[in-house]
Protein backbone atom coordinates (compact mmCIF):
# COMPACT_ATOMS: atom_id res chain seq x y z
CA MET A 1 54.26 7.42 232.47
CA GLN A 2 50.65 8.38 233.01
CA ILE A 3 48.28 5.57 233.97
CA GLY A 4 44.59 6.39 233.70
CA CYS A 5 42.60 4.54 236.34
CA ASP A 6 39.19 5.90 235.36
CA PRO A 7 36.86 3.45 233.55
CA LYS A 8 36.04 6.27 231.09
CA ALA A 9 39.62 5.84 229.81
CA ASP A 10 40.01 9.53 228.94
CA SER A 11 42.98 10.44 231.13
CA THR A 12 45.57 10.47 228.35
CA ALA A 13 43.40 11.59 225.40
CA MET A 14 44.94 15.06 225.14
CA LEU A 15 48.38 13.46 224.98
CA THR A 16 47.38 11.36 221.98
CA GLY A 17 45.79 13.94 219.68
CA GLY A 18 42.35 13.64 221.26
CA VAL A 19 42.08 10.02 220.11
CA PRO A 20 41.47 7.59 223.00
CA ILE A 21 43.92 4.71 223.14
CA GLY A 22 42.90 1.11 223.68
CA THR A 23 42.59 0.04 227.29
CA VAL A 24 44.49 -2.71 229.04
CA LEU A 25 41.31 -4.58 229.95
CA GLY A 26 39.79 -4.14 226.50
CA ARG A 27 42.92 -5.43 224.79
CA LEU A 28 43.21 -8.39 227.14
CA ARG A 29 39.61 -9.35 226.45
CA ASP A 30 40.52 -9.61 222.77
CA ASP A 31 43.95 -11.17 223.31
CA PRO A 32 44.98 -12.42 226.78
CA ALA A 33 48.56 -12.74 225.49
CA ALA A 34 48.86 -9.07 224.45
CA GLY A 35 52.31 -7.57 225.01
CA LEU A 36 53.45 -4.24 226.41
CA ASP A 37 53.68 -2.66 222.96
CA GLU A 38 49.92 -3.16 222.65
CA LEU A 39 49.12 -1.76 226.10
CA VAL A 40 51.52 1.21 226.40
CA HIS A 41 51.35 4.05 223.88
CA VAL A 42 53.79 6.94 223.40
CA GLY A 43 52.09 10.34 223.50
CA ASP A 44 53.07 14.01 223.37
CA GLY A 45 56.55 14.75 224.67
CA GLY A 46 57.36 11.07 224.93
CA VAL A 47 54.87 10.50 227.76
CA LEU A 48 54.05 6.80 228.09
CA CYS A 49 50.25 6.49 228.14
CA VAL A 50 48.28 3.65 229.69
CA GLU A 51 44.52 3.39 230.21
CA CYS A 52 43.39 0.61 232.53
CA GLY A 53 39.78 0.71 231.36
CA GLY A 54 37.00 -1.14 233.11
CA PRO A 55 34.56 -4.02 232.80
CA ARG A 56 31.68 -3.90 230.37
CA PRO A 57 28.82 -1.82 231.81
CA GLY A 58 26.73 -3.82 234.24
CA THR A 59 29.15 -6.75 234.36
CA GLY A 60 31.61 -6.00 237.14
CA CYS A 61 33.31 -3.66 239.58
CA ALA A 62 35.51 -0.89 238.20
CA GLY A 63 37.91 -1.31 241.11
CA ARG A 64 38.46 -4.97 240.29
CA GLY A 65 39.09 -3.95 236.70
CA ILE A 66 41.87 -1.66 237.88
CA ILE A 67 43.38 -4.52 239.90
CA ALA A 68 43.36 -6.81 236.85
CA ALA A 69 45.03 -4.16 234.70
CA PHE A 70 47.75 -3.52 237.27
CA GLU A 71 48.41 -7.20 237.69
CA LYS A 72 49.01 -7.47 233.95
CA LEU A 73 51.39 -4.49 233.91
CA VAL A 74 53.31 -6.03 236.81
CA GLU A 75 53.38 -9.42 235.10
CA LEU A 76 54.92 -7.80 232.00
CA ASP A 77 57.35 -5.77 234.17
CA ALA A 78 56.29 -2.49 232.53
CA VAL A 79 58.20 -0.20 234.91
CA ALA A 80 61.48 -2.09 234.51
CA VAL A 81 61.09 -2.19 230.73
CA TYR A 82 60.31 1.52 230.22
CA ARG A 83 62.09 2.94 233.29
CA PRO A 84 59.98 6.13 233.56
CA ASP A 85 61.29 8.96 235.72
CA VAL A 86 57.86 9.73 237.16
CA ILE A 87 54.63 7.74 237.22
CA LEU A 88 51.27 9.50 237.58
CA TYR A 89 48.21 7.46 238.54
CA ASP A 90 45.13 9.44 237.51
CA VAL A 91 42.40 8.10 239.77
CA LEU A 92 38.72 8.98 239.80
CA GLY A 93 38.25 10.98 242.98
CA ASP A 94 34.64 10.20 243.82
CA VAL A 95 35.07 6.43 244.00
CA VAL A 96 37.00 4.98 246.93
CA CYS A 97 37.43 1.21 246.87
CA GLY A 98 40.14 -1.42 247.02
CA GLY A 99 40.94 -1.27 243.32
CA PHE A 100 41.49 2.46 243.34
CA ALA A 101 43.80 2.14 246.36
CA MET A 102 45.90 -0.53 244.70
CA PRO A 103 48.71 1.79 243.49
CA ILE A 104 49.23 2.76 247.14
CA ARG A 105 48.78 -0.64 248.77
CA SER A 106 51.14 -2.27 246.29
CA GLY A 107 53.85 0.29 246.96
CA TYR A 108 53.76 1.87 243.51
CA ALA A 109 52.94 5.37 244.74
CA ASN A 110 54.29 7.45 247.57
CA GLU A 111 52.68 10.88 247.28
CA VAL A 112 48.97 11.57 246.88
CA PHE A 113 47.85 14.96 245.54
CA ILE A 114 44.12 15.64 245.41
CA VAL A 115 42.82 17.86 242.63
CA THR A 116 39.73 19.77 243.74
CA SER A 117 37.76 22.93 243.12
CA GLY A 118 35.92 24.90 245.77
CA GLU A 119 32.59 23.29 244.85
CA ARG A 120 30.81 21.34 247.55
CA MET A 121 30.83 17.92 245.87
CA SER A 122 34.46 18.26 244.82
CA LEU A 123 35.51 19.08 248.37
CA TYR A 124 33.36 16.20 249.67
CA ALA A 125 35.18 13.79 247.33
CA ALA A 126 38.51 15.27 248.44
CA GLY A 127 37.58 14.55 252.05
CA ASN A 128 36.77 10.93 251.24
CA ILE A 129 40.06 10.43 249.43
CA ALA A 130 42.00 12.11 252.24
CA ALA A 131 40.36 9.82 254.81
CA ALA A 132 41.31 6.75 252.78
CA VAL A 133 44.88 8.00 252.36
CA GLY A 134 45.09 8.70 256.07
CA ASP A 135 44.20 5.10 256.87
CA LEU A 136 46.76 3.82 254.37
CA SER A 137 49.43 6.24 255.56
CA ALA A 138 48.99 4.97 259.11
CA ASP A 139 49.93 1.52 257.79
CA GLY A 140 53.12 2.87 256.23
CA TYR A 141 51.83 3.50 252.72
CA ALA A 142 51.67 6.75 250.71
CA ARG A 143 51.12 10.09 252.39
CA LEU A 144 48.86 13.00 251.45
CA GLY A 145 50.98 15.66 249.75
CA GLY A 146 48.27 18.32 249.61
CA LEU A 147 45.43 19.78 247.55
CA ILE A 148 45.73 21.22 244.05
CA GLN A 149 43.06 23.84 243.39
CA ASN A 150 41.63 23.47 239.88
CA SER A 151 39.74 26.72 240.02
CA ARG A 152 36.13 27.03 238.88
CA GLY A 153 35.76 30.72 239.62
CA ILE A 154 33.15 30.40 242.37
CA ASP A 155 32.81 32.94 245.19
CA ASP A 156 35.45 32.69 247.93
CA GLU A 157 37.01 29.65 246.24
CA ASP A 158 40.51 30.19 247.60
CA MET A 159 39.19 30.48 251.13
CA LEU A 160 37.02 27.36 250.78
CA VAL A 161 39.87 25.21 249.47
CA ASP A 162 42.31 26.50 252.09
CA ALA A 163 39.77 25.80 254.84
CA ALA A 164 39.26 22.27 253.53
CA ALA A 165 43.02 21.71 253.40
CA ALA A 166 43.39 22.88 256.99
CA ALA A 167 40.56 20.61 258.12
CA LEU A 168 42.30 17.68 256.42
CA GLY A 169 45.61 18.51 258.07
CA THR A 170 47.32 19.45 254.82
CA GLU A 171 47.89 22.48 252.56
CA THR A 172 46.97 23.90 249.18
CA VAL A 173 49.99 23.11 247.03
CA MET A 174 49.03 25.37 244.13
CA ARG A 175 46.08 27.13 242.53
CA ILE A 176 45.50 26.55 238.82
CA PRO A 177 43.43 29.41 237.30
CA ARG A 178 40.39 28.85 235.13
CA ASP A 179 41.22 29.84 231.56
CA PRO A 180 39.53 29.39 228.15
CA SER A 181 42.82 28.09 226.69
CA VAL A 182 41.92 24.72 228.20
CA GLN A 183 38.74 24.41 226.15
CA ARG A 184 40.46 25.73 223.02
CA CYS A 185 43.21 23.15 223.25
CA GLU A 186 40.80 20.33 224.13
CA ALA A 187 38.91 21.10 220.92
CA GLU A 188 42.17 20.49 219.05
CA GLY A 189 42.93 17.32 221.00
CA ARG A 190 46.00 18.83 222.64
CA THR A 191 47.25 19.73 226.09
CA VAL A 192 47.67 23.43 226.84
CA VAL A 193 51.43 22.97 227.10
CA ALA A 194 51.50 21.63 223.52
CA GLY A 195 48.73 23.80 222.05
CA GLU A 196 49.52 27.17 223.64
CA PRO A 197 53.00 26.72 225.10
CA ASP A 198 53.60 30.45 225.68
CA SER A 199 50.32 31.07 227.52
CA ALA A 200 50.00 31.91 231.20
CA GLN A 201 48.04 28.70 231.69
CA ALA A 202 50.89 26.60 230.28
CA ALA A 203 53.26 28.41 232.64
CA ALA A 204 50.96 27.53 235.56
CA TYR A 205 51.05 23.85 234.61
CA ARG A 206 54.84 23.89 234.33
CA ALA A 207 55.07 25.53 237.74
CA LEU A 208 52.82 22.83 239.17
CA ALA A 209 54.96 20.10 237.62
CA ASP A 210 58.11 21.66 239.08
CA GLU A 211 56.50 21.94 242.50
CA LEU A 212 55.29 18.33 242.59
CA LEU A 213 58.63 17.04 241.37
CA ALA A 214 60.50 19.08 243.97
CA ARG A 215 58.25 17.79 246.72
CA SER A 216 58.77 14.22 245.57
CA GLU A 217 62.53 14.65 245.31
CA ASP A 218 62.67 16.16 248.80
CA ALA A 219 60.95 13.11 250.23
CA PRO A 220 63.09 10.39 251.87
CA GLY A 221 64.60 8.15 249.22
CA GLY A 222 64.95 10.79 246.49
CA LEU A 223 62.80 10.83 243.35
CA ARG A 224 59.50 9.11 244.02
CA THR A 225 56.43 8.27 242.06
CA ALA A 226 53.30 10.36 242.56
CA ARG A 227 49.68 9.36 242.46
CA ARG A 228 47.37 12.16 241.39
CA THR A 229 43.73 11.78 242.15
CA GLY A 230 40.53 13.72 241.79
CA GLY A 231 40.69 15.14 238.28
CA MET A 232 42.70 15.85 235.19
CA ILE A 233 45.45 18.45 235.06
CA GLN A 234 46.65 18.95 231.47
């Protein structure tokens, strides 16, 4: 299950043919009694897709919108109904507030992986997220699992990301290369794994998935849910 926690509601678009699905908050505004079948959509490969959405522009806090969406999913017992093996929370990395920390504070997520490039603002956002996770981890919540380098091809990018990881007391879990297959598949409304399954880029994504799953399974308690923050990995 992938839960998009960005008010832009574009986290799962490539899993649904490039067509954005309705958001939890948007649907509830129209029908407060909406059921799970109206909030959870099945995408590519059987991935369960959820977009929390956000308040109307200028009318509220995006973080509070995330809280409201999660409360509804909990009320309807979404996890028990669908029983997903893994849950990914795709959280906007440059906004750190109570609503965006809710998956951690509520015990839904155990591992936090920060997607970043070597660009200054991306690394700055990664630092903010890591600081927030550190505070939560000290209280017994989720821990920082490491950085995922979503390469942009800038000078000395590997060195910059590794240095940032070291400064944050963590490691670079994997480097995802920059490749035009991403843009080609986005134009078709597909993930790279679905659109160009035999490509090197698809192999890199599969390797990343295997690595994150292995790290989660190695954690105490066996298979655990993972919260991914900072950007979209297709």
